[in-house]
N, C-alpha and C. Protein backbone atom coordinates (compact mmCIF):
# COMPACT_ATOMS: atom_id res chain seq x y z
N MET A 1 -8.34 -22.56 24.42
CA MET A 1 -6.98 -22.79 25.07
C MET A 1 -6.43 -21.33 25.17
N ASN A 2 -6.54 -20.79 26.54
CA ASN A 2 -5.83 -19.56 26.72
C ASN A 2 -4.40 -19.50 27.16
N GLU A 3 -3.81 -20.71 27.48
CA GLU A 3 -2.42 -20.86 27.86
C GLU A 3 -1.79 -21.28 26.89
N LEU A 4 -0.42 -20.92 26.89
CA LEU A 4 0.26 -21.55 26.02
C LEU A 4 0.88 -22.77 26.42
N ASN A 5 1.30 -23.50 25.41
CA ASN A 5 2.14 -24.89 25.98
C ASN A 5 3.44 -24.73 25.48
N PRO A 6 4.32 -24.71 26.78
CA PRO A 6 5.50 -24.23 26.65
C PRO A 6 6.31 -25.40 25.69
N ALA A 7 6.08 -26.76 25.31
CA ALA A 7 6.34 -27.55 24.53
C ALA A 7 6.33 -27.30 23.26
N LEU A 8 5.34 -27.11 22.94
CA LEU A 8 4.81 -26.62 21.63
C LEU A 8 5.33 -25.19 21.16
N THR A 9 5.13 -24.66 22.22
CA THR A 9 6.14 -23.02 22.01
C THR A 9 7.22 -23.13 21.27
N TYR A 10 8.35 -24.09 22.13
CA TYR A 10 9.73 -24.44 21.89
C TYR A 10 9.83 -24.96 20.63
N GLU A 11 8.94 -26.10 20.03
CA GLU A 11 9.04 -26.62 18.96
C GLU A 11 8.55 -25.20 17.90
N LEU A 12 7.71 -24.52 18.03
CA LEU A 12 7.34 -23.53 16.95
C LEU A 12 8.24 -22.72 16.83
N THR A 13 9.07 -22.15 18.01
CA THR A 13 10.21 -21.36 17.88
C THR A 13 11.14 -21.70 16.89
N HIS A 14 11.64 -22.79 17.21
CA HIS A 14 12.52 -23.80 16.28
C HIS A 14 12.12 -23.68 14.95
N ALA A 15 11.04 -23.96 14.98
CA ALA A 15 10.33 -24.45 13.29
C ALA A 15 10.54 -22.50 12.33
N ILE A 16 10.02 -21.96 13.62
CA ILE A 16 10.00 -20.48 12.88
C ILE A 16 11.38 -19.99 12.40
N LYS A 17 12.20 -20.03 13.48
CA LYS A 17 13.54 -19.88 13.19
C LYS A 17 14.29 -20.53 11.73
N VAL A 18 13.78 -21.80 11.66
CA VAL A 18 14.31 -22.91 10.11
C VAL A 18 13.39 -22.00 9.20
N LEU A 19 12.20 -21.85 8.95
CA LEU A 19 11.21 -21.03 8.26
C LEU A 19 12.04 -19.25 7.81
N ILE A 20 12.51 -18.71 8.77
CA ILE A 20 12.62 -17.32 8.58
C ILE A 20 14.24 -17.40 7.70
N VAL A 21 15.00 -18.28 8.17
CA VAL A 21 16.15 -18.81 7.51
C VAL A 21 16.13 -18.98 6.16
N GLU A 22 15.21 -20.21 5.96
CA GLU A 22 15.35 -20.44 4.65
C GLU A 22 14.31 -19.81 3.89
N SER A 23 13.37 -19.20 4.44
CA SER A 23 12.29 -18.19 3.09
C SER A 23 13.21 -17.06 3.17
N CYS A 24 14.22 -16.58 3.39
CA CYS A 24 14.73 -15.36 3.49
C CYS A 24 16.41 -15.61 2.96
N ASP A 25 16.50 -16.73 2.79
CA ASP A 25 18.18 -17.11 2.52
C ASP A 25 19.03 -16.41 3.08
N LYS A 26 18.95 -16.42 4.27
CA LYS A 26 20.06 -16.10 5.35
C LYS A 26 21.02 -17.15 5.83
N ASP A 27 22.23 -16.78 5.47
CA ASP A 27 23.59 -17.57 5.88
C ASP A 27 23.89 -17.83 7.33
N CYS A 28 22.79 -18.60 8.23
CA CYS A 28 23.41 -18.21 9.79
C CYS A 28 22.53 -19.51 10.35
N ASP A 29 23.03 -19.74 11.35
CA ASP A 29 22.19 -21.11 11.95
C ASP A 29 21.00 -20.57 12.76
N PRO A 30 19.34 -21.14 12.50
CA PRO A 30 18.41 -20.66 13.05
C PRO A 30 18.72 -20.58 14.79
N ALA A 31 19.58 -21.38 15.21
CA ALA A 31 19.71 -21.57 16.75
C ALA A 31 20.50 -20.37 17.10
N THR A 32 21.11 -19.31 16.36
CA THR A 32 21.75 -18.41 16.90
C THR A 32 20.73 -16.89 16.73
N ILE A 33 19.18 -17.42 16.53
CA ILE A 33 18.15 -16.04 16.73
C ILE A 33 17.66 -16.62 17.77
N THR A 34 17.64 -15.42 18.83
CA THR A 34 17.15 -15.61 20.06
C THR A 34 15.65 -15.11 19.75
N ASP A 35 14.83 -15.41 20.65
CA ASP A 35 13.27 -15.65 20.62
C ASP A 35 12.51 -13.98 20.72
N ASP A 36 13.25 -13.17 21.31
CA ASP A 36 13.15 -12.03 21.47
C ASP A 36 13.72 -10.87 20.95
N GLU A 37 14.56 -11.41 19.94
CA GLU A 37 15.52 -10.27 19.13
C GLU A 37 14.48 -9.45 18.27
N ILE A 38 14.82 -8.56 18.09
CA ILE A 38 14.31 -7.77 17.03
C ILE A 38 14.34 -8.30 15.68
N LEU A 39 13.87 -8.42 14.68
CA LEU A 39 14.17 -9.23 13.47
C LEU A 39 14.00 -8.26 12.14
N PHE A 40 13.41 -7.04 12.27
CA PHE A 40 13.43 -6.45 10.64
C PHE A 40 14.06 -5.29 11.15
N GLY A 41 14.83 -4.49 10.21
CA GLY A 41 15.18 -3.04 10.35
C GLY A 41 17.13 -3.33 10.35
N PRO A 42 17.45 -2.17 10.14
CA PRO A 42 18.56 -2.06 10.28
C PRO A 42 19.57 -2.19 11.13
N GLU A 43 18.90 -1.82 12.56
CA GLU A 43 19.53 -2.23 13.77
C GLU A 43 19.32 -3.64 13.92
N ALA A 44 18.37 -4.47 13.61
CA ALA A 44 17.99 -6.05 14.03
C ALA A 44 19.46 -6.66 13.34
N PRO A 45 19.52 -7.57 13.73
CA PRO A 45 20.90 -9.11 13.75
C PRO A 45 20.62 -9.56 12.70
N LEU A 46 19.33 -9.71 12.18
CA LEU A 46 19.42 -10.49 10.63
C LEU A 46 18.89 -8.97 9.74
N ALA A 47 18.83 -8.30 10.09
CA ALA A 47 18.38 -6.65 9.32
C ALA A 47 17.41 -7.50 8.32
N LEU A 48 16.34 -7.80 8.62
CA LEU A 48 15.34 -8.13 7.71
C LEU A 48 14.84 -7.35 7.12
N ASP A 49 14.07 -6.85 5.76
CA ASP A 49 13.43 -6.02 5.35
C ASP A 49 12.07 -6.28 4.86
N SER A 50 11.51 -5.34 4.09
CA SER A 50 10.15 -5.42 3.78
C SER A 50 9.95 -6.67 2.51
N LEU A 51 10.88 -7.25 1.97
CA LEU A 51 10.63 -8.44 1.18
C LEU A 51 10.68 -9.76 1.59
N ASP A 52 11.84 -9.33 2.78
CA ASP A 52 11.62 -10.96 3.78
C ASP A 52 10.17 -10.57 4.29
N ALA A 53 9.85 -9.79 5.25
CA ALA A 53 8.43 -9.68 5.28
C ALA A 53 7.80 -10.71 4.69
N LEU A 54 7.43 -10.05 3.63
CA LEU A 54 6.57 -10.71 2.34
C LEU A 54 7.18 -12.28 2.31
N GLN A 55 8.37 -12.81 2.03
CA GLN A 55 8.59 -13.89 2.24
C GLN A 55 8.23 -14.76 3.27
N VAL A 56 8.36 -14.30 4.69
CA VAL A 56 8.33 -15.30 5.60
C VAL A 56 6.77 -15.42 5.87
N SER A 57 5.89 -13.93 5.60
CA SER A 57 4.50 -14.09 5.38
C SER A 57 4.16 -15.06 4.17
N MET A 58 4.51 -15.15 3.46
CA MET A 58 4.05 -16.37 2.52
C MET A 58 4.30 -17.82 2.74
N ALA A 59 5.30 -17.77 3.41
CA ALA A 59 6.10 -19.26 3.96
C ALA A 59 5.04 -19.98 5.04
N LEU A 60 4.37 -18.84 5.75
CA LEU A 60 3.57 -18.97 7.25
C LEU A 60 2.42 -19.50 6.73
N GLN A 61 1.97 -19.07 5.32
CA GLN A 61 0.79 -19.26 4.75
C GLN A 61 0.92 -20.28 4.42
N LYS A 62 1.68 -20.92 3.49
CA LYS A 62 1.92 -22.11 2.71
C LYS A 62 2.04 -23.14 3.75
N LYS A 63 2.84 -22.79 4.83
CA LYS A 63 3.09 -24.06 5.58
C LYS A 63 2.22 -24.49 6.85
N TYR A 64 1.84 -23.25 7.28
CA TYR A 64 0.70 -23.28 8.40
C TYR A 64 -0.74 -22.55 7.92
N GLY A 65 -1.03 -22.34 6.73
CA GLY A 65 -2.08 -22.01 6.48
C GLY A 65 -2.69 -20.43 7.45
N LEU A 66 -1.69 -19.63 7.94
CA LEU A 66 -1.86 -18.63 8.40
C LEU A 66 -1.59 -17.77 7.33
N ARG A 67 -2.69 -16.57 7.42
CA ARG A 67 -2.55 -15.50 6.60
C ARG A 67 -2.57 -13.87 7.63
N LEU A 68 -1.50 -13.39 7.04
CA LEU A 68 -1.29 -11.97 8.03
C LEU A 68 -1.72 -11.19 7.00
N THR A 69 -3.11 -10.26 7.14
CA THR A 69 -3.67 -9.64 6.55
C THR A 69 -3.58 -7.80 6.68
N ASP A 70 -3.43 -7.55 7.93
CA ASP A 70 -3.73 -6.28 8.65
C ASP A 70 -2.06 -6.13 8.82
N SER A 71 -1.76 -5.03 8.11
CA SER A 71 -0.16 -4.39 8.14
C SER A 71 -0.03 -4.29 9.35
N LYS A 72 -0.47 -3.40 10.43
CA LYS A 72 -0.09 -2.74 11.35
C LYS A 72 0.06 -4.01 12.29
N GLU A 73 -1.05 -5.25 12.29
CA GLU A 73 -0.90 -6.22 13.15
C GLU A 73 0.18 -7.16 12.54
N THR A 74 0.29 -7.40 11.20
CA THR A 74 1.52 -8.08 10.67
C THR A 74 3.21 -7.66 11.46
N ARG A 75 2.82 -6.05 11.59
CA ARG A 75 4.50 -5.58 11.85
C ARG A 75 4.43 -6.22 13.29
N ARG A 76 3.79 -6.25 14.44
CA ARG A 76 3.60 -6.29 15.39
C ARG A 76 3.94 -8.09 15.58
N ILE A 77 2.96 -8.65 14.84
CA ILE A 77 3.34 -10.40 15.02
C ILE A 77 4.48 -10.77 14.36
N LEU A 78 5.47 -10.03 13.50
CA LEU A 78 6.82 -10.34 12.77
C LEU A 78 8.06 -9.99 13.79
N SER A 79 7.73 -8.88 14.37
CA SER A 79 8.54 -8.11 15.02
C SER A 79 9.74 -9.21 15.90
N SER A 80 9.14 -10.42 16.24
CA SER A 80 10.20 -11.27 16.96
C SER A 80 9.41 -12.26 17.03
N VAL A 81 10.71 -13.72 16.81
CA VAL A 81 9.89 -15.16 16.95
C VAL A 81 9.03 -15.35 18.10
N ALA A 82 9.55 -14.53 19.11
CA ALA A 82 8.36 -14.96 20.35
C ALA A 82 6.66 -14.55 19.92
N ASN A 83 6.72 -12.90 19.45
CA ASN A 83 5.41 -12.82 19.01
C ASN A 83 4.94 -13.61 18.20
N LEU A 84 5.48 -13.53 16.89
CA LEU A 84 5.09 -15.21 15.96
C LEU A 84 4.71 -16.19 16.60
N ALA A 85 5.58 -16.75 17.38
CA ALA A 85 5.21 -18.38 17.88
C ALA A 85 4.08 -17.95 18.66
N ALA A 86 3.72 -17.37 19.52
CA ALA A 86 2.75 -16.81 20.50
C ALA A 86 1.50 -16.67 19.47
N HIS A 87 2.01 -16.08 18.65
CA HIS A 87 0.39 -15.80 17.57
C HIS A 87 -0.08 -17.29 17.12
N LEU A 88 1.07 -17.57 16.23
CA LEU A 88 1.18 -19.01 15.54
C LEU A 88 0.25 -19.94 16.31
N GLU A 89 0.79 -20.00 17.80
CA GLU A 89 0.42 -21.19 18.51
C GLU A 89 -1.28 -20.85 18.73
N ARG A 90 -1.84 -19.55 19.08
CA ARG A 90 -3.09 -19.09 19.28
C ARG A 90 -3.90 -19.89 18.09
N PHE A 91 -3.27 -19.28 16.85
CA PHE A 91 -4.01 -19.81 15.49
C PHE A 91 -4.14 -21.27 15.48
N LEU A 92 -2.98 -22.04 15.63
CA LEU A 92 -3.04 -23.56 15.40
C LEU A 92 -4.20 -24.13 16.26
N ALA A 93 -4.13 -23.51 17.84
CA ALA A 93 -5.52 -23.99 18.77
C ALA A 93 -6.72 -23.65 18.33
N THR A 94 -7.01 -22.75 17.11
CA THR A 94 -8.50 -22.73 16.78
C THR A 94 -8.84 -23.33 15.39
N ARG A 95 -7.52 -24.19 15.26
CA ARG A 95 -7.88 -24.97 13.92
C ARG A 95 -8.56 -26.33 14.26
N PRO A 96 -9.35 -26.77 13.52
CA PRO A 96 -9.88 -27.96 13.84
C PRO A 96 -8.92 -29.55 13.55
């Protein structure tokens, strides 16, 4: 499956936003996180850091079975909700 399913992507983006807020213990409404906003660094609205990245990564592994092992690839995947949703959707499509 090469094409992304818009309905599934919408569900995933919402679930990812909730996962980020909960795993990083942020006090904000997940709906206020835009799909394309940068998630990490002092310039990012959420200002997530490396510990938050680890917490998100562990939450993804626990909830979806997705393991992010390559640090450069992990930075790219976790850079935004949209990138993460696209990667997760592709990952889930390969699972039985």
